[in-house]
Structures are given as structure tokens and as C-alpha cells.
Amino acid sequence: GGLVQAGGSLRLSCAASVLFSFNDM
């Protein structure tokens, strides 16, 4: 996350702390 100007781009990441078999994310 962060601050960006209109028209710009960001990439969010989310990592689980343990290996786990998730269905939907």
C-alpha cells in the first residue's frame, strides 16, 4: 500500500504465515 497519484499503479501482496490450503482468496 501507499500514496499514489491518480492514474498511477500499485501492487498489493498478501502472504500467509504458514503453508495452508485455502479455497478462495
PDBML (XML) file of the C-alpha atoms, coordinates in Angstrom:
<?xml version="1.0" encoding="UTF-8" ?>
<PDBx:datablock datablockName="MODEL"
   xmlns:PDBx="http://pdbml.pdb.org/schema/pdbx-v50.xsd"
   xmlns:xsi="http://www.w3.org/2001/XMLSchema-instance"
   xsi:schemaLocation="http://pdbml.pdb.org/schema/pdbx-v50.xsd pdbx-v50.xsd">
   <PDBx:atom_siteCategory>
      <PDBx:atom_site id="1">
         <PDBx:B_iso_or_equiv>0.00</PDBx:B_iso_or_equiv>
         <PDBx:Cartn_x>0.000</PDBx:Cartn_x>
         <PDBx:Cartn_y>0.000</PDBx:Cartn_y>
         <PDBx:Cartn_z>0.000</PDBx:Cartn_z>
         <PDBx:auth_asym_id>A</PDBx:auth_asym_id>
         <PDBx:auth_atom_id>CA</PDBx:auth_atom_id>
         <PDBx:auth_comp_id>GLY</PDBx:auth_comp_id>
         <PDBx:auth_seq_id>1</PDBx:auth_seq_id>
         <PDBx:group_PDB>ATOM</PDBx:group_PDB>
         <PDBx:label_alt_id xsi:nil="true" />
         <PDBx:label_asym_id>A</PDBx:label_asym_id>
         <PDBx:label_atom_id>CA</PDBx:label_atom_id>
         <PDBx:label_comp_id>GLY</PDBx:label_comp_id>
         <PDBx:label_entity_id>1</PDBx:label_entity_id>
         <PDBx:label_seq_id>1</PDBx:label_seq_id>
         <PDBx:occupancy>1.00</PDBx:occupancy>
         <PDBx:pdbx_PDB_model_num>1</PDBx:pdbx_PDB_model_num>
         <PDBx:type_symbol>C</PDBx:type_symbol>
      </PDBx:atom_site>
      <PDBx:atom_site id="2">
         <PDBx:B_iso_or_equiv>0.00</PDBx:B_iso_or_equiv>
         <PDBx:Cartn_x>0.919</PDBx:Cartn_x>
         <PDBx:Cartn_y>3.653</PDBx:Cartn_y>
         <PDBx:Cartn_z>-0.100</PDBx:Cartn_z>
         <PDBx:auth_asym_id>A</PDBx:auth_asym_id>
         <PDBx:auth_atom_id>CA</PDBx:auth_atom_id>
         <PDBx:auth_comp_id>GLY</PDBx:auth_comp_id>
         <PDBx:auth_seq_id>2</PDBx:auth_seq_id>
         <PDBx:group_PDB>ATOM</PDBx:group_PDB>
         <PDBx:label_alt_id xsi:nil="true" />
         <PDBx:label_asym_id>A</PDBx:label_asym_id>
         <PDBx:label_atom_id>CA</PDBx:label_atom_id>
         <PDBx:label_comp_id>GLY</PDBx:label_comp_id>
         <PDBx:label_entity_id>1</PDBx:label_entity_id>
         <PDBx:label_seq_id>2</PDBx:label_seq_id>
         <PDBx:occupancy>1.00</PDBx:occupancy>
         <PDBx:pdbx_PDB_model_num>1</PDBx:pdbx_PDB_model_num>
         <PDBx:type_symbol>C</PDBx:type_symbol>
      </PDBx:atom_site>
      <PDBx:atom_site id="3">
         <PDBx:B_iso_or_equiv>0.00</PDBx:B_iso_or_equiv>
         <PDBx:Cartn_x>0.275</PDBx:Cartn_x>
         <PDBx:Cartn_y>7.051</PDBx:Cartn_y>
         <PDBx:Cartn_z>-1.645</PDBx:Cartn_z>
         <PDBx:auth_asym_id>A</PDBx:auth_asym_id>
         <PDBx:auth_atom_id>CA</PDBx:auth_atom_id>
         <PDBx:auth_comp_id>LEU</PDBx:auth_comp_id>
         <PDBx:auth_seq_id>3</PDBx:auth_seq_id>
         <PDBx:group_PDB>ATOM</PDBx:group_PDB>
         <PDBx:label_alt_id xsi:nil="true" />
         <PDBx:label_asym_id>A</PDBx:label_asym_id>
         <PDBx:label_atom_id>CA</PDBx:label_atom_id>
         <PDBx:label_comp_id>LEU</PDBx:label_comp_id>
         <PDBx:label_entity_id>1</PDBx:label_entity_id>
         <PDBx:label_seq_id>3</PDBx:label_seq_id>
         <PDBx:occupancy>1.00</PDBx:occupancy>
         <PDBx:pdbx_PDB_model_num>1</PDBx:pdbx_PDB_model_num>
         <PDBx:type_symbol>C</PDBx:type_symbol>
      </PDBx:atom_site>
      <PDBx:atom_site id="4">
         <PDBx:B_iso_or_equiv>0.00</PDBx:B_iso_or_equiv>
         <PDBx:Cartn_x>-0.027</PDBx:Cartn_x>
         <PDBx:Cartn_y>7.377</PDBx:Cartn_y>
         <PDBx:Cartn_z>-5.410</PDBx:Cartn_z>
         <PDBx:auth_asym_id>A</PDBx:auth_asym_id>
         <PDBx:auth_atom_id>CA</PDBx:auth_atom_id>
         <PDBx:auth_comp_id>VAL</PDBx:auth_comp_id>
         <PDBx:auth_seq_id>4</PDBx:auth_seq_id>
         <PDBx:group_PDB>ATOM</PDBx:group_PDB>
         <PDBx:label_alt_id xsi:nil="true" />
         <PDBx:label_asym_id>A</PDBx:label_asym_id>
         <PDBx:label_atom_id>CA</PDBx:label_atom_id>
         <PDBx:label_comp_id>VAL</PDBx:label_comp_id>
         <PDBx:label_entity_id>1</PDBx:label_entity_id>
         <PDBx:label_seq_id>4</PDBx:label_seq_id>
         <PDBx:occupancy>1.00</PDBx:occupancy>
         <PDBx:pdbx_PDB_model_num>1</PDBx:pdbx_PDB_model_num>
         <PDBx:type_symbol>C</PDBx:type_symbol>
      </PDBx:atom_site>
      <PDBx:atom_site id="5">
         <PDBx:B_iso_or_equiv>0.00</PDBx:B_iso_or_equiv>
         <PDBx:Cartn_x>-1.300</PDBx:Cartn_x>
         <PDBx:Cartn_y>9.983</PDBx:Cartn_y>
         <PDBx:Cartn_z>-7.841</PDBx:Cartn_z>
         <PDBx:auth_asym_id>A</PDBx:auth_asym_id>
         <PDBx:auth_atom_id>CA</PDBx:auth_atom_id>
         <PDBx:auth_comp_id>GLN</PDBx:auth_comp_id>
         <PDBx:auth_seq_id>5</PDBx:auth_seq_id>
         <PDBx:group_PDB>ATOM</PDBx:group_PDB>
         <PDBx:label_alt_id xsi:nil="true" />
         <PDBx:label_asym_id>A</PDBx:label_asym_id>
         <PDBx:label_atom_id>CA</PDBx:label_atom_id>
         <PDBx:label_comp_id>GLN</PDBx:label_comp_id>
         <PDBx:label_entity_id>1</PDBx:label_entity_id>
         <PDBx:label_seq_id>5</PDBx:label_seq_id>
         <PDBx:occupancy>1.00</PDBx:occupancy>
         <PDBx:pdbx_PDB_model_num>1</PDBx:pdbx_PDB_model_num>
         <PDBx:type_symbol>C</PDBx:type_symbol>
      </PDBx:atom_site>
      <PDBx:atom_site id="6">
         <PDBx:B_iso_or_equiv>0.00</PDBx:B_iso_or_equiv>
         <PDBx:Cartn_x>-4.442</PDBx:Cartn_x>
         <PDBx:Cartn_y>9.411</PDBx:Cartn_y>
         <PDBx:Cartn_z>-9.854</PDBx:Cartn_z>
         <PDBx:auth_asym_id>A</PDBx:auth_asym_id>
         <PDBx:auth_atom_id>CA</PDBx:auth_atom_id>
         <PDBx:auth_comp_id>ALA</PDBx:auth_comp_id>
         <PDBx:auth_seq_id>6</PDBx:auth_seq_id>
         <PDBx:group_PDB>ATOM</PDBx:group_PDB>
         <PDBx:label_alt_id xsi:nil="true" />
         <PDBx:label_asym_id>A</PDBx:label_asym_id>
         <PDBx:label_atom_id>CA</PDBx:label_atom_id>
         <PDBx:label_comp_id>ALA</PDBx:label_comp_id>
         <PDBx:label_entity_id>1</PDBx:label_entity_id>
         <PDBx:label_seq_id>6</PDBx:label_seq_id>
         <PDBx:occupancy>1.00</PDBx:occupancy>
         <PDBx:pdbx_PDB_model_num>1</PDBx:pdbx_PDB_model_num>
         <PDBx:type_symbol>C</PDBx:type_symbol>
      </PDBx:atom_site>
      <PDBx:atom_site id="7">
         <PDBx:B_iso_or_equiv>0.00</PDBx:B_iso_or_equiv>
         <PDBx:Cartn_x>-3.652</PDBx:Cartn_x>
         <PDBx:Cartn_y>7.304</PDBx:Cartn_y>
         <PDBx:Cartn_z>-12.915</PDBx:Cartn_z>
         <PDBx:auth_asym_id>A</PDBx:auth_asym_id>
         <PDBx:auth_atom_id>CA</PDBx:auth_atom_id>
         <PDBx:auth_comp_id>GLY</PDBx:auth_comp_id>
         <PDBx:auth_seq_id>7</PDBx:auth_seq_id>
         <PDBx:group_PDB>ATOM</PDBx:group_PDB>
         <PDBx:label_alt_id xsi:nil="true" />
         <PDBx:label_asym_id>A</PDBx:label_asym_id>
         <PDBx:label_atom_id>CA</PDBx:label_atom_id>
         <PDBx:label_comp_id>GLY</PDBx:label_comp_id>
         <PDBx:label_entity_id>1</PDBx:label_entity_id>
         <PDBx:label_seq_id>7</PDBx:label_seq_id>
         <PDBx:occupancy>1.00</PDBx:occupancy>
         <PDBx:pdbx_PDB_model_num>1</PDBx:pdbx_PDB_model_num>
         <PDBx:type_symbol>C</PDBx:type_symbol>
      </PDBx:atom_site>
      <PDBx:atom_site id="8">
         <PDBx:B_iso_or_equiv>0.00</PDBx:B_iso_or_equiv>
         <PDBx:Cartn_x>-0.832</PDBx:Cartn_x>
         <PDBx:Cartn_y>5.523</PDBx:Cartn_y>
         <PDBx:Cartn_z>-11.153</PDBx:Cartn_z>
         <PDBx:auth_asym_id>A</PDBx:auth_asym_id>
         <PDBx:auth_atom_id>CA</PDBx:auth_atom_id>
         <PDBx:auth_comp_id>GLY</PDBx:auth_comp_id>
         <PDBx:auth_seq_id>8</PDBx:auth_seq_id>
         <PDBx:group_PDB>ATOM</PDBx:group_PDB>
         <PDBx:label_alt_id xsi:nil="true" />
         <PDBx:label_asym_id>A</PDBx:label_asym_id>
         <PDBx:label_atom_id>CA</PDBx:label_atom_id>
         <PDBx:label_comp_id>GLY</PDBx:label_comp_id>
         <PDBx:label_entity_id>1</PDBx:label_entity_id>
         <PDBx:label_seq_id>8</PDBx:label_seq_id>
         <PDBx:occupancy>1.00</PDBx:occupancy>
         <PDBx:pdbx_PDB_model_num>1</PDBx:pdbx_PDB_model_num>
         <PDBx:type_symbol>C</PDBx:type_symbol>
      </PDBx:atom_site>
      <PDBx:atom_site id="9">
         <PDBx:B_iso_or_equiv>0.00</PDBx:B_iso_or_equiv>
         <PDBx:Cartn_x>-0.393</PDBx:Cartn_x>
         <PDBx:Cartn_y>1.892</PDBx:Cartn_y>
         <PDBx:Cartn_z>-10.153</PDBx:Cartn_z>
         <PDBx:auth_asym_id>A</PDBx:auth_asym_id>
         <PDBx:auth_atom_id>CA</PDBx:auth_atom_id>
         <PDBx:auth_comp_id>SER</PDBx:auth_comp_id>
         <PDBx:auth_seq_id>9</PDBx:auth_seq_id>
         <PDBx:group_PDB>ATOM</PDBx:group_PDB>
         <PDBx:label_alt_id xsi:nil="true" />
         <PDBx:label_asym_id>A</PDBx:label_asym_id>
         <PDBx:label_atom_id>CA</PDBx:label_atom_id>
         <PDBx:label_comp_id>SER</PDBx:label_comp_id>
         <PDBx:label_entity_id>1</PDBx:label_entity_id>
         <PDBx:label_seq_id>9</PDBx:label_seq_id>
         <PDBx:occupancy>1.00</PDBx:occupancy>
         <PDBx:pdbx_PDB_model_num>1</PDBx:pdbx_PDB_model_num>
         <PDBx:type_symbol>C</PDBx:type_symbol>
      </PDBx:atom_site>
      <PDBx:atom_site id="10">
         <PDBx:B_iso_or_equiv>0.00</PDBx:B_iso_or_equiv>
         <PDBx:Cartn_x>0.204</PDBx:Cartn_x>
         <PDBx:Cartn_y>-0.150</PDBx:Cartn_y>
         <PDBx:Cartn_z>-7.030</PDBx:Cartn_z>
         <PDBx:auth_asym_id>A</PDBx:auth_asym_id>
         <PDBx:auth_atom_id>CA</PDBx:auth_atom_id>
         <PDBx:auth_comp_id>LEU</PDBx:auth_comp_id>
         <PDBx:auth_seq_id>10</PDBx:auth_seq_id>
         <PDBx:group_PDB>ATOM</PDBx:group_PDB>
         <PDBx:label_alt_id xsi:nil="true" />
         <PDBx:label_asym_id>A</PDBx:label_asym_id>
         <PDBx:label_atom_id>CA</PDBx:label_atom_id>
         <PDBx:label_comp_id>LEU</PDBx:label_comp_id>
         <PDBx:label_entity_id>1</PDBx:label_entity_id>
         <PDBx:label_seq_id>10</PDBx:label_seq_id>
         <PDBx:occupancy>1.00</PDBx:occupancy>
         <PDBx:pdbx_PDB_model_num>1</PDBx:pdbx_PDB_model_num>
         <PDBx:type_symbol>C</PDBx:type_symbol>
      </PDBx:atom_site>
      <PDBx:atom_site id="11">
         <PDBx:B_iso_or_equiv>0.00</PDBx:B_iso_or_equiv>
         <PDBx:Cartn_x>0.613</PDBx:Cartn_x>
         <PDBx:Cartn_y>-3.853</PDBx:Cartn_y>
         <PDBx:Cartn_z>-6.386</PDBx:Cartn_z>
         <PDBx:auth_asym_id>A</PDBx:auth_asym_id>
         <PDBx:auth_atom_id>CA</PDBx:auth_atom_id>
         <PDBx:auth_comp_id>ARG</PDBx:auth_comp_id>
         <PDBx:auth_seq_id>11</PDBx:auth_seq_id>
         <PDBx:group_PDB>ATOM</PDBx:group_PDB>
         <PDBx:label_alt_id xsi:nil="true" />
         <PDBx:label_asym_id>A</PDBx:label_asym_id>
         <PDBx:label_atom_id>CA</PDBx:label_atom_id>
         <PDBx:label_comp_id>ARG</PDBx:label_comp_id>
         <PDBx:label_entity_id>1</PDBx:label_entity_id>
         <PDBx:label_seq_id>11</PDBx:label_seq_id>
         <PDBx:occupancy>1.00</PDBx:occupancy>
         <PDBx:pdbx_PDB_model_num>1</PDBx:pdbx_PDB_model_num>
         <PDBx:type_symbol>C</PDBx:type_symbol>
      </PDBx:atom_site>
      <PDBx:atom_site id="12">
         <PDBx:B_iso_or_equiv>0.00</PDBx:B_iso_or_equiv>
         <PDBx:Cartn_x>-0.637</PDBx:Cartn_x>
         <PDBx:Cartn_y>-5.354</PDBx:Cartn_y>
         <PDBx:Cartn_z>-3.154</PDBx:Cartn_z>
         <PDBx:auth_asym_id>A</PDBx:auth_asym_id>
         <PDBx:auth_atom_id>CA</PDBx:auth_atom_id>
         <PDBx:auth_comp_id>LEU</PDBx:auth_comp_id>
         <PDBx:auth_seq_id>12</PDBx:auth_seq_id>
         <PDBx:group_PDB>ATOM</PDBx:group_PDB>
         <PDBx:label_alt_id xsi:nil="true" />
         <PDBx:label_asym_id>A</PDBx:label_asym_id>
         <PDBx:label_atom_id>CA</PDBx:label_atom_id>
         <PDBx:label_comp_id>LEU</PDBx:label_comp_id>
         <PDBx:label_entity_id>1</PDBx:label_entity_id>
         <PDBx:label_seq_id>12</PDBx:label_seq_id>
         <PDBx:occupancy>1.00</PDBx:occupancy>
         <PDBx:pdbx_PDB_model_num>1</PDBx:pdbx_PDB_model_num>
         <PDBx:type_symbol>C</PDBx:type_symbol>
      </PDBx:atom_site>
      <PDBx:atom_site id="13">
         <PDBx:B_iso_or_equiv>0.00</PDBx:B_iso_or_equiv>
         <PDBx:Cartn_x>0.633</PDBx:Cartn_x>
         <PDBx:Cartn_y>-8.665</PDBx:Cartn_y>
         <PDBx:Cartn_z>-1.818</PDBx:Cartn_z>
         <PDBx:auth_asym_id>A</PDBx:auth_asym_id>
         <PDBx:auth_atom_id>CA</PDBx:auth_atom_id>
         <PDBx:auth_comp_id>SER</PDBx:auth_comp_id>
         <PDBx:auth_seq_id>13</PDBx:auth_seq_id>
         <PDBx:group_PDB>ATOM</PDBx:group_PDB>
         <PDBx:label_alt_id xsi:nil="true" />
         <PDBx:label_asym_id>A</PDBx:label_asym_id>
         <PDBx:label_atom_id>CA</PDBx:label_atom_id>
         <PDBx:label_comp_id>SER</PDBx:label_comp_id>
         <PDBx:label_entity_id>1</PDBx:label_entity_id>
         <PDBx:label_seq_id>13</PDBx:label_seq_id>
         <PDBx:occupancy>1.00</PDBx:occupancy>
         <PDBx:pdbx_PDB_model_num>1</PDBx:pdbx_PDB_model_num>
         <PDBx:type_symbol>C</PDBx:type_symbol>
      </PDBx:atom_site>
      <PDBx:atom_site id="14">
         <PDBx:B_iso_or_equiv>0.00</PDBx:B_iso_or_equiv>
         <PDBx:Cartn_x>-0.723</PDBx:Cartn_x>
         <PDBx:Cartn_y>-10.883</PDBx:Cartn_y>
         <PDBx:Cartn_z>0.925</PDBx:Cartn_z>
         <PDBx:auth_asym_id>A</PDBx:auth_asym_id>
         <PDBx:auth_atom_id>CA</PDBx:auth_atom_id>
         <PDBx:auth_comp_id>CYS</PDBx:auth_comp_id>
         <PDBx:auth_seq_id>14</PDBx:auth_seq_id>
         <PDBx:group_PDB>ATOM</PDBx:group_PDB>
         <PDBx:label_alt_id xsi:nil="true" />
         <PDBx:label_asym_id>A</PDBx:label_asym_id>
         <PDBx:label_atom_id>CA</PDBx:label_atom_id>
         <PDBx:label_comp_id>CYS</PDBx:label_comp_id>
         <PDBx:label_entity_id>1</PDBx:label_entity_id>
         <PDBx:label_seq_id>14</PDBx:label_seq_id>
         <PDBx:occupancy>1.00</PDBx:occupancy>
         <PDBx:pdbx_PDB_model_num>1</PDBx:pdbx_PDB_model_num>
         <PDBx:type_symbol>C</PDBx:type_symbol>
      </PDBx:atom_site>
      <PDBx:atom_site id="15">
         <PDBx:B_iso_or_equiv>0.00</PDBx:B_iso_or_equiv>
         <PDBx:Cartn_x>1.191</PDBx:Cartn_x>
         <PDBx:Cartn_y>-13.860</PDBx:Cartn_y>
         <PDBx:Cartn_z>2.250</PDBx:Cartn_z>
         <PDBx:auth_asym_id>A</PDBx:auth_asym_id>
         <PDBx:auth_atom_id>CA</PDBx:auth_atom_id>
         <PDBx:auth_comp_id>ALA</PDBx:auth_comp_id>
         <PDBx:auth_seq_id>15</PDBx:auth_seq_id>
         <PDBx:group_PDB>ATOM</PDBx:group_PDB>
         <PDBx:label_alt_id xsi:nil="true" />
         <PDBx:label_asym_id>A</PDBx:label_asym_id>
         <PDBx:label_atom_id>CA</PDBx:label_atom_id>
         <PDBx:label_comp_id>ALA</PDBx:label_comp_id>
         <PDBx:label_entity_id>1</PDBx:label_entity_id>
         <PDBx:label_seq_id>15</PDBx:label_seq_id>
         <PDBx:occupancy>1.00</PDBx:occupancy>
         <PDBx:pdbx_PDB_model_num>1</PDBx:pdbx_PDB_model_num>
         <PDBx:type_symbol>C</PDBx:type_symbol>
      </PDBx:atom_site>
      <PDBx:atom_site id="16">
         <PDBx:B_iso_or_equiv>0.00</PDBx:B_iso_or_equiv>
         <PDBx:Cartn_x>0.035</PDBx:Cartn_x>
         <PDBx:Cartn_y>-16.444</PDBx:Cartn_y>
         <PDBx:Cartn_z>4.762</PDBx:Cartn_z>
         <PDBx:auth_asym_id>A</PDBx:auth_asym_id>
         <PDBx:auth_atom_id>CA</PDBx:auth_atom_id>
         <PDBx:auth_comp_id>ALA</PDBx:auth_comp_id>
         <PDBx:auth_seq_id>16</PDBx:auth_seq_id>
         <PDBx:group_PDB>ATOM</PDBx:group_PDB>
         <PDBx:label_alt_id xsi:nil="true" />
         <PDBx:label_asym_id>A</PDBx:label_asym_id>
         <PDBx:label_atom_id>CA</PDBx:label_atom_id>
         <PDBx:label_comp_id>ALA</PDBx:label_comp_id>
         <PDBx:label_entity_id>1</PDBx:label_entity_id>
         <PDBx:label_seq_id>16</PDBx:label_seq_id>
         <PDBx:occupancy>1.00</PDBx:occupancy>
         <PDBx:pdbx_PDB_model_num>1</PDBx:pdbx_PDB_model_num>
         <PDBx:type_symbol>C</PDBx:type_symbol>
      </PDBx:atom_site>
      <PDBx:atom_site id="17">
         <PDBx:B_iso_or_equiv>0.00</PDBx:B_iso_or_equiv>
         <PDBx:Cartn_x>2.370</PDBx:Cartn_x>
         <PDBx:Cartn_y>-17.087</PDBx:Cartn_y>
         <PDBx:Cartn_z>7.671</PDBx:Cartn_z>
         <PDBx:auth_asym_id>A</PDBx:auth_asym_id>
         <PDBx:auth_atom_id>CA</PDBx:auth_atom_id>
         <PDBx:auth_comp_id>SER</PDBx:auth_comp_id>
         <PDBx:auth_seq_id>17</PDBx:auth_seq_id>
         <PDBx:group_PDB>ATOM</PDBx:group_PDB>
         <PDBx:label_alt_id xsi:nil="true" />
         <PDBx:label_asym_id>A</PDBx:label_asym_id>
         <PDBx:label_atom_id>CA</PDBx:label_atom_id>
         <PDBx:label_comp_id>SER</PDBx:label_comp_id>
         <PDBx:label_entity_id>1</PDBx:label_entity_id>
         <PDBx:label_seq_id>17</PDBx:label_seq_id>
         <PDBx:occupancy>1.00</PDBx:occupancy>
         <PDBx:pdbx_PDB_model_num>1</PDBx:pdbx_PDB_model_num>
         <PDBx:type_symbol>C</PDBx:type_symbol>
      </PDBx:atom_site>
      <PDBx:atom_site id="18">
         <PDBx:B_iso_or_equiv>0.00</PDBx:B_iso_or_equiv>
         <PDBx:Cartn_x>2.079</PDBx:Cartn_x>
         <PDBx:Cartn_y>-20.861</PDBx:Cartn_y>
         <PDBx:Cartn_z>7.257</PDBx:Cartn_z>
         <PDBx:auth_asym_id>A</PDBx:auth_asym_id>
         <PDBx:auth_atom_id>CA</PDBx:auth_atom_id>
         <PDBx:auth_comp_id>VAL</PDBx:auth_comp_id>
         <PDBx:auth_seq_id>18</PDBx:auth_seq_id>
         <PDBx:group_PDB>ATOM</PDBx:group_PDB>
         <PDBx:label_alt_id xsi:nil="true" />
         <PDBx:label_asym_id>A</PDBx:label_asym_id>
         <PDBx:label_atom_id>CA</PDBx:label_atom_id>
         <PDBx:label_comp_id>VAL</PDBx:label_comp_id>
         <PDBx:label_entity_id>1</PDBx:label_entity_id>
         <PDBx:label_seq_id>18</PDBx:label_seq_id>
         <PDBx:occupancy>1.00</PDBx:occupancy>
         <PDBx:pdbx_PDB_model_num>1</PDBx:pdbx_PDB_model_num>
         <PDBx:type_symbol>C</PDBx:type_symbol>
      </PDBx:atom_site>
      <PDBx:atom_site id="19">
         <PDBx:B_iso_or_equiv>0.00</PDBx:B_iso_or_equiv>
         <PDBx:Cartn_x>1.501</PDBx:Cartn_x>
         <PDBx:Cartn_y>-23.199</PDBx:Cartn_y>
         <PDBx:Cartn_z>4.352</PDBx:Cartn_z>
         <PDBx:auth_asym_id>A</PDBx:auth_asym_id>
         <PDBx:auth_atom_id>CA</PDBx:auth_atom_id>
         <PDBx:auth_comp_id>LEU</PDBx:auth_comp_id>
         <PDBx:auth_seq_id>19</PDBx:auth_seq_id>
         <PDBx:group_PDB>ATOM</PDBx:group_PDB>
         <PDBx:label_alt_id xsi:nil="true" />
         <PDBx:label_asym_id>A</PDBx:label_asym_id>
         <PDBx:label_atom_id>CA</PDBx:label_atom_id>
         <PDBx:label_comp_id>LEU</PDBx:label_comp_id>
         <PDBx:label_entity_id>1</PDBx:label_entity_id>
         <PDBx:label_seq_id>19</PDBx:label_seq_id>
         <PDBx:occupancy>1.00</PDBx:occupancy>
         <PDBx:pdbx_PDB_model_num>1</PDBx:pdbx_PDB_model_num>
         <PDBx:type_symbol>C</PDBx:type_symbol>
      </PDBx:atom_site>
      <PDBx:atom_site id="20">
         <PDBx:B_iso_or_equiv>0.00</PDBx:B_iso_or_equiv>
         <PDBx:Cartn_x>-2.230</PDBx:Cartn_x>
         <PDBx:Cartn_y>-23.767</PDBx:Cartn_y>
         <PDBx:Cartn_z>4.285</PDBx:Cartn_z>
         <PDBx:auth_asym_id>A</PDBx:auth_asym_id>
         <PDBx:auth_atom_id>CA</PDBx:auth_atom_id>
         <PDBx:auth_comp_id>PHE</PDBx:auth_comp_id>
         <PDBx:auth_seq_id>20</PDBx:auth_seq_id>
         <PDBx:group_PDB>ATOM</PDBx:group_PDB>
         <PDBx:label_alt_id xsi:nil="true" />
         <PDBx:label_asym_id>A</PDBx:label_asym_id>
         <PDBx:label_atom_id>CA</PDBx:label_atom_id>
         <PDBx:label_comp_id>PHE</PDBx:label_comp_id>
         <PDBx:label_entity_id>1</PDBx:label_entity_id>
         <PDBx:label_seq_id>20</PDBx:label_seq_id>
         <PDBx:occupancy>1.00</PDBx:occupancy>
         <PDBx:pdbx_PDB_model_num>1</PDBx:pdbx_PDB_model_num>
         <PDBx:type_symbol>C</PDBx:type_symbol>
      </PDBx:atom_site>
      <PDBx:atom_site id="21">
         <PDBx:B_iso_or_equiv>0.00</PDBx:B_iso_or_equiv>
         <PDBx:Cartn_x>-4.664</PDBx:Cartn_x>
         <PDBx:Cartn_y>-24.957</PDBx:Cartn_y>
         <PDBx:Cartn_z>1.661</PDBx:Cartn_z>
         <PDBx:auth_asym_id>A</PDBx:auth_asym_id>
         <PDBx:auth_atom_id>CA</PDBx:auth_atom_id>
         <PDBx:auth_comp_id>SER</PDBx:auth_comp_id>
         <PDBx:auth_seq_id>21</PDBx:auth_seq_id>
         <PDBx:group_PDB>ATOM</PDBx:group_PDB>
         <PDBx:label_alt_id xsi:nil="true" />
         <PDBx:label_asym_id>A</PDBx:label_asym_id>
         <PDBx:label_atom_id>CA</PDBx:label_atom_id>
         <PDBx:label_comp_id>SER</PDBx:label_comp_id>
         <PDBx:label_entity_id>1</PDBx:label_entity_id>
         <PDBx:label_seq_id>21</PDBx:label_seq_id>
         <PDBx:occupancy>1.00</PDBx:occupancy>
         <PDBx:pdbx_PDB_model_num>1</PDBx:pdbx_PDB_model_num>
         <PDBx:type_symbol>C</PDBx:type_symbol>
      </PDBx:atom_site>
      <PDBx:atom_site id="22">
         <PDBx:B_iso_or_equiv>0.00</PDBx:B_iso_or_equiv>
         <PDBx:Cartn_x>-7.026</PDBx:Cartn_x>
         <PDBx:Cartn_y>-22.063</PDBx:Cartn_y>
         <PDBx:Cartn_z>1.181</PDBx:Cartn_z>
         <PDBx:auth_asym_id>A</PDBx:auth_asym_id>
         <PDBx:auth_atom_id>CA</PDBx:auth_atom_id>
         <PDBx:auth_comp_id>PHE</PDBx:auth_comp_id>
         <PDBx:auth_seq_id>22</PDBx:auth_seq_id>
         <PDBx:group_PDB>ATOM</PDBx:group_PDB>
         <PDBx:label_alt_id xsi:nil="true" />
         <PDBx:label_asym_id>A</PDBx:label_asym_id>
         <PDBx:label_atom_id>CA</PDBx:label_atom_id>
         <PDBx:label_comp_id>PHE</PDBx:label_comp_id>
         <PDBx:label_entity_id>1</PDBx:label_entity_id>
         <PDBx:label_seq_id>22</PDBx:label_seq_id>
         <PDBx:occupancy>1.00</PDBx:occupancy>
         <PDBx:pdbx_PDB_model_num>1</PDBx:pdbx_PDB_model_num>
         <PDBx:type_symbol>C</PDBx:type_symbol>
      </PDBx:atom_site>
      <PDBx:atom_site id="23">
         <PDBx:B_iso_or_equiv>0.00</PDBx:B_iso_or_equiv>
         <PDBx:Cartn_x>-10.064</PDBx:Cartn_x>
         <PDBx:Cartn_y>-22.191</PDBx:Cartn_y>
         <PDBx:Cartn_z>-1.049</PDBx:Cartn_z>
         <PDBx:auth_asym_id>A</PDBx:auth_asym_id>
         <PDBx:auth_atom_id>CA</PDBx:auth_atom_id>
         <PDBx:auth_comp_id>ASN</PDBx:auth_comp_id>
         <PDBx:auth_seq_id>23</PDBx:auth_seq_id>
         <PDBx:group_PDB>ATOM</PDBx:group_PDB>
         <PDBx:label_alt_id xsi:nil="true" />
         <PDBx:label_asym_id>A</PDBx:label_asym_id>
         <PDBx:label_atom_id>CA</PDBx:label_atom_id>
         <PDBx:label_comp_id>ASN</PDBx:label_comp_id>
         <PDBx:label_entity_id>1</PDBx:label_entity_id>
         <PDBx:label_seq_id>23</PDBx:label_seq_id>
         <PDBx:occupancy>1.00</PDBx:occupancy>
         <PDBx:pdbx_PDB_model_num>1</PDBx:pdbx_PDB_model_num>
         <PDBx:type_symbol>C</PDBx:type_symbol>
      </PDBx:atom_site>
      <PDBx:atom_site id="24">
         <PDBx:B_iso_or_equiv>0.00</PDBx:B_iso_or_equiv>
         <PDBx:Cartn_x>-10.948</PDBx:Cartn_x>
         <PDBx:Cartn_y>-18.652</PDBx:Cartn_y>
         <PDBx:Cartn_z>-2.090</PDBx:Cartn_z>
         <PDBx:auth_asym_id>A</PDBx:auth_asym_id>
         <PDBx:auth_atom_id>CA</PDBx:auth_atom_id>
         <PDBx:auth_comp_id>ASP</PDBx:auth_comp_id>
         <PDBx:auth_seq_id>24</PDBx:auth_seq_id>
         <PDBx:group_PDB>ATOM</PDBx:group_PDB>
         <PDBx:label_alt_id xsi:nil="true" />
         <PDBx:label_asym_id>A</PDBx:label_asym_id>
         <PDBx:label_atom_id>CA</PDBx:label_atom_id>
         <PDBx:label_comp_id>ASP</PDBx:label_comp_id>
         <PDBx:label_entity_id>1</PDBx:label_entity_id>
         <PDBx:label_seq_id>24</PDBx:label_seq_id>
         <PDBx:occupancy>1.00</PDBx:occupancy>
         <PDBx:pdbx_PDB_model_num>1</PDBx:pdbx_PDB_model_num>
         <PDBx:type_symbol>C</PDBx:type_symbol>
      </PDBx:atom_site>
      <PDBx:atom_site id="25">
         <PDBx:B_iso_or_equiv>0.00</PDBx:B_iso_or_equiv>
         <PDBx:Cartn_x>-8.585</PDBx:Cartn_x>
         <PDBx:Cartn_y>-15.737</PDBx:Cartn_y>
         <PDBx:Cartn_z>-1.517</PDBx:Cartn_z>
         <PDBx:auth_asym_id>A</PDBx:auth_asym_id>
         <PDBx:auth_atom_id>CA</PDBx:auth_atom_id>
         <PDBx:auth_comp_id>MET</PDBx:auth_comp_id>
         <PDBx:auth_seq_id>25</PDBx:auth_seq_id>
         <PDBx:group_PDB>ATOM</PDBx:group_PDB>
         <PDBx:label_alt_id xsi:nil="true" />
         <PDBx:label_asym_id>A</PDBx:label_asym_id>
         <PDBx:label_atom_id>CA</PDBx:label_atom_id>
         <PDBx:label_comp_id>MET</PDBx:label_comp_id>
         <PDBx:label_entity_id>1</PDBx:label_entity_id>
         <PDBx:label_seq_id>25</PDBx:label_seq_id>
         <PDBx:occupancy>1.00</PDBx:occupancy>
         <PDBx:pdbx_PDB_model_num>1</PDBx:pdbx_PDB_model_num>
         <PDBx:type_symbol>C</PDBx:type_symbol>
      </PDBx:atom_site>
   </PDBx:atom_siteCategory>
</PDBx:datablock>
